[in-house]
Amino acid sequence: MWFTIVGEICDIETIALGRAVRVRLRLRKLYGGVRWRKLKGLAKVRLPNGTRCLAEVHWYESHGIGRKEFKIKRFVKA
């Protein structure tokens, strides 16, 4: 991950669940787990140059495995 999440993630929503997660076979092969979900939420992030900003973050999550593969989708004006 090229950025660091500072604080908690809020306004969490589920985007896809189960078979709707397109990369579920790759996730299962890499990390294990059975039921993968794709989620999104808002979080304060610290970029490599030191600036902090609010961003919409997407990630995958499975029970017993945890949160994997975070990515910033867009920056939100605060």
N, C-alpha and C. Protein backbone atom coordinates (compact mmCIF):
# COMPACT_ATOMS: atom_id res chain seq x y z
N MET A 1 0.86 -1.17 0.00
CA MET A 1 0.00 0.00 0.00
C MET A 1 0.90 1.23 0.00
N TRP A 2 0.70 2.13 -0.91
CA TRP A 2 1.56 3.30 -1.03
C TRP A 2 1.10 4.46 -0.17
N PHE A 3 0.04 4.29 0.61
CA PHE A 3 -0.46 5.32 1.51
C PHE A 3 -0.72 4.67 2.87
N THR A 4 -0.93 5.52 3.89
CA THR A 4 -1.20 5.03 5.24
C THR A 4 -2.55 5.56 5.68
N ILE A 5 -3.38 4.69 6.23
CA ILE A 5 -4.68 5.12 6.76
C ILE A 5 -4.47 5.64 8.17
N VAL A 6 -4.94 6.86 8.43
CA VAL A 6 -4.79 7.50 9.72
C VAL A 6 -6.18 7.55 10.37
N GLY A 7 -6.36 6.90 11.48
CA GLY A 7 -7.65 6.90 12.16
C GLY A 7 -8.54 5.78 11.66
N GLU A 8 -9.84 5.96 11.86
CA GLU A 8 -10.82 4.94 11.51
C GLU A 8 -11.44 5.20 10.15
N ILE A 9 -12.00 4.15 9.58
CA ILE A 9 -12.74 4.26 8.33
C ILE A 9 -14.21 4.43 8.69
N CYS A 10 -14.88 5.43 8.13
CA CYS A 10 -16.28 5.68 8.44
C CYS A 10 -17.13 5.58 7.18
N ASP A 11 -18.43 5.58 7.35
CA ASP A 11 -19.40 5.48 6.24
C ASP A 11 -19.13 4.25 5.37
N ILE A 12 -18.95 3.11 6.01
CA ILE A 12 -18.63 1.88 5.30
C ILE A 12 -19.88 1.33 4.60
N GLU A 13 -19.73 0.98 3.32
CA GLU A 13 -20.81 0.40 2.53
C GLU A 13 -20.28 -0.83 1.79
N THR A 14 -21.15 -1.82 1.62
CA THR A 14 -20.79 -3.00 0.84
C THR A 14 -21.10 -2.73 -0.63
N ILE A 15 -20.12 -2.99 -1.48
CA ILE A 15 -20.29 -2.81 -2.92
C ILE A 15 -20.70 -4.12 -3.58
N ALA A 16 -20.00 -5.20 -3.23
CA ALA A 16 -20.27 -6.50 -3.84
C ALA A 16 -20.10 -7.58 -2.78
N LEU A 17 -20.82 -8.69 -2.97
CA LEU A 17 -20.84 -9.76 -1.99
C LEU A 17 -20.87 -11.10 -2.70
N GLY A 18 -20.05 -12.05 -2.26
CA GLY A 18 -20.08 -13.40 -2.82
C GLY A 18 -19.66 -13.46 -4.28
N ARG A 19 -20.53 -14.01 -5.12
CA ARG A 19 -20.21 -14.19 -6.54
C ARG A 19 -20.10 -12.87 -7.30
N ALA A 20 -20.62 -11.79 -6.75
CA ALA A 20 -20.54 -10.49 -7.41
C ALA A 20 -19.13 -9.90 -7.37
N VAL A 21 -18.28 -10.41 -6.47
CA VAL A 21 -16.89 -9.96 -6.41
C VAL A 21 -16.16 -10.61 -7.58
N ARG A 22 -15.72 -9.82 -8.54
CA ARG A 22 -15.17 -10.35 -9.78
C ARG A 22 -13.84 -11.07 -9.59
N VAL A 23 -13.05 -10.65 -8.62
CA VAL A 23 -11.72 -11.23 -8.44
C VAL A 23 -11.69 -12.25 -7.30
N ARG A 24 -12.82 -12.82 -6.96
CA ARG A 24 -12.89 -13.72 -5.80
C ARG A 24 -12.01 -14.95 -5.93
N LEU A 25 -11.85 -15.47 -7.14
CA LEU A 25 -11.01 -16.65 -7.33
C LEU A 25 -9.54 -16.32 -7.06
N ARG A 26 -9.10 -15.14 -7.51
CA ARG A 26 -7.72 -14.70 -7.24
C ARG A 26 -7.51 -14.48 -5.74
N LEU A 27 -8.49 -13.86 -5.09
CA LEU A 27 -8.40 -13.61 -3.65
C LEU A 27 -8.36 -14.93 -2.88
N ARG A 28 -9.17 -15.87 -3.28
CA ARG A 28 -9.21 -17.17 -2.61
C ARG A 28 -7.88 -17.90 -2.78
N LYS A 29 -7.28 -17.78 -3.97
CA LYS A 29 -6.00 -18.44 -4.23
C LYS A 29 -4.87 -17.79 -3.42
N LEU A 30 -4.88 -16.46 -3.32
CA LEU A 30 -3.82 -15.75 -2.60
C LEU A 30 -3.94 -15.85 -1.08
N TYR A 31 -5.14 -15.60 -0.55
CA TYR A 31 -5.32 -15.44 0.89
C TYR A 31 -6.14 -16.55 1.54
N GLY A 32 -6.88 -17.32 0.77
CA GLY A 32 -7.81 -18.29 1.35
C GLY A 32 -9.15 -17.61 1.57
N GLY A 33 -9.92 -18.12 2.49
CA GLY A 33 -11.23 -17.53 2.76
C GLY A 33 -12.27 -17.99 1.76
N VAL A 34 -13.52 -17.90 2.15
CA VAL A 34 -14.59 -18.40 1.31
C VAL A 34 -15.47 -17.27 0.80
N ARG A 35 -15.98 -16.47 1.69
CA ARG A 35 -16.96 -15.45 1.31
C ARG A 35 -16.32 -14.07 1.32
N TRP A 36 -15.97 -13.58 0.16
CA TRP A 36 -15.31 -12.29 0.04
C TRP A 36 -16.33 -11.19 -0.21
N ARG A 37 -16.05 -10.00 0.34
CA ARG A 37 -16.88 -8.82 0.13
C ARG A 37 -15.99 -7.68 -0.34
N LYS A 38 -16.53 -6.83 -1.19
CA LYS A 38 -15.84 -5.59 -1.57
C LYS A 38 -16.55 -4.46 -0.87
N LEU A 39 -15.79 -3.63 -0.15
CA LEU A 39 -16.36 -2.54 0.64
C LEU A 39 -15.73 -1.22 0.28
N LYS A 40 -16.42 -0.14 0.66
CA LYS A 40 -15.87 1.20 0.48
C LYS A 40 -16.20 2.02 1.71
N GLY A 41 -15.38 3.05 1.95
CA GLY A 41 -15.59 3.92 3.08
C GLY A 41 -14.72 5.16 2.96
N LEU A 42 -14.92 6.09 3.87
CA LEU A 42 -14.13 7.33 3.90
C LEU A 42 -13.10 7.24 5.01
N ALA A 43 -11.87 7.65 4.70
CA ALA A 43 -10.80 7.60 5.68
C ALA A 43 -9.81 8.73 5.43
N LYS A 44 -9.18 9.19 6.51
CA LYS A 44 -8.08 10.13 6.37
C LYS A 44 -6.84 9.33 6.03
N VAL A 45 -6.14 9.74 4.99
CA VAL A 45 -4.95 9.03 4.55
C VAL A 45 -3.75 9.97 4.54
N ARG A 46 -2.57 9.38 4.78
CA ARG A 46 -1.32 10.14 4.69
C ARG A 46 -0.59 9.64 3.46
N LEU A 47 -0.28 10.55 2.56
CA LEU A 47 0.40 10.22 1.31
C LEU A 47 1.91 10.21 1.53
N PRO A 48 2.69 9.64 0.61
CA PRO A 48 4.14 9.55 0.78
C PRO A 48 4.84 10.91 0.97
N ASN A 49 4.26 11.98 0.43
CA ASN A 49 4.89 13.30 0.60
C ASN A 49 4.51 13.96 1.92
N GLY A 50 3.70 13.27 2.75
CA GLY A 50 3.37 13.77 4.09
C GLY A 50 2.03 14.47 4.20
N THR A 51 1.37 14.76 3.11
CA THR A 51 0.08 15.44 3.18
C THR A 51 -1.00 14.46 3.65
N ARG A 52 -1.95 15.00 4.39
CA ARG A 52 -3.09 14.23 4.86
C ARG A 52 -4.34 14.75 4.20
N CYS A 53 -5.20 13.85 3.75
CA CYS A 53 -6.43 14.26 3.11
C CYS A 53 -7.50 13.18 3.31
N LEU A 54 -8.73 13.53 3.02
CA LEU A 54 -9.85 12.62 3.12
C LEU A 54 -10.03 11.94 1.77
N ALA A 55 -10.16 10.62 1.79
CA ALA A 55 -10.26 9.87 0.53
C ALA A 55 -11.30 8.77 0.64
N GLU A 56 -11.87 8.41 -0.51
CA GLU A 56 -12.74 7.24 -0.58
C GLU A 56 -11.84 6.04 -0.83
N VAL A 57 -11.91 5.07 0.07
CA VAL A 57 -11.03 3.92 0.03
C VAL A 57 -11.85 2.67 -0.25
N HIS A 58 -11.37 1.79 -1.13
CA HIS A 58 -12.02 0.51 -1.42
C HIS A 58 -11.09 -0.62 -0.97
N TRP A 59 -11.67 -1.73 -0.52
CA TRP A 59 -10.87 -2.89 -0.12
C TRP A 59 -11.72 -4.15 -0.17
N TYR A 60 -11.05 -5.30 -0.02
CA TYR A 60 -11.72 -6.59 0.03
C TYR A 60 -11.59 -7.13 1.45
N GLU A 61 -12.59 -7.89 1.89
CA GLU A 61 -12.61 -8.40 3.25
C GLU A 61 -13.27 -9.77 3.28
N SER A 62 -12.72 -10.66 4.12
CA SER A 62 -13.31 -11.97 4.32
C SER A 62 -13.20 -12.32 5.80
N HIS A 63 -14.16 -13.06 6.30
CA HIS A 63 -14.18 -13.47 7.70
C HIS A 63 -12.97 -14.36 7.99
N GLY A 64 -12.23 -14.03 9.04
CA GLY A 64 -11.06 -14.80 9.42
C GLY A 64 -9.79 -14.39 8.69
N ILE A 65 -9.92 -13.65 7.60
CA ILE A 65 -8.76 -13.21 6.82
C ILE A 65 -8.48 -11.75 7.10
N GLY A 66 -9.53 -10.93 7.15
CA GLY A 66 -9.37 -9.51 7.41
C GLY A 66 -9.44 -8.67 6.14
N ARG A 67 -9.00 -7.43 6.26
CA ARG A 67 -9.05 -6.48 5.15
C ARG A 67 -7.79 -6.60 4.31
N LYS A 68 -7.97 -6.65 3.00
CA LYS A 68 -6.84 -6.81 2.07
C LYS A 68 -6.99 -5.86 0.89
N GLU A 69 -5.87 -5.48 0.31
CA GLU A 69 -5.79 -4.74 -0.95
C GLU A 69 -6.55 -3.41 -0.94
N PHE A 70 -6.13 -2.51 -0.09
CA PHE A 70 -6.72 -1.18 -0.05
C PHE A 70 -6.32 -0.38 -1.28
N LYS A 71 -7.23 0.47 -1.76
CA LYS A 71 -6.91 1.38 -2.85
C LYS A 71 -7.72 2.65 -2.70
N ILE A 72 -7.12 3.76 -3.10
CA ILE A 72 -7.82 5.05 -3.09
C ILE A 72 -8.54 5.20 -4.40
N LYS A 73 -9.84 5.46 -4.34
CA LYS A 73 -10.62 5.66 -5.56
C LYS A 73 -10.72 7.14 -5.92
N ARG A 74 -10.88 8.00 -4.91
CA ARG A 74 -10.93 9.43 -5.19
C ARG A 74 -10.69 10.19 -3.91
N PHE A 75 -10.26 11.43 -4.04
CA PHE A 75 -10.06 12.31 -2.91
C PHE A 75 -11.32 13.15 -2.72
N VAL A 76 -11.73 13.33 -1.47
CA VAL A 76 -12.96 14.02 -1.13
C VAL A 76 -12.61 15.38 -0.52
N LYS A 77 -13.30 16.41 -0.97
CA LYS A 77 -13.07 17.73 -0.38
C LYS A 77 -13.73 17.76 0.99
N ALA A 78 -12.98 18.19 1.98
CA ALA A 78 -13.50 18.22 3.35
C ALA A 78 -14.05 19.59 3.69
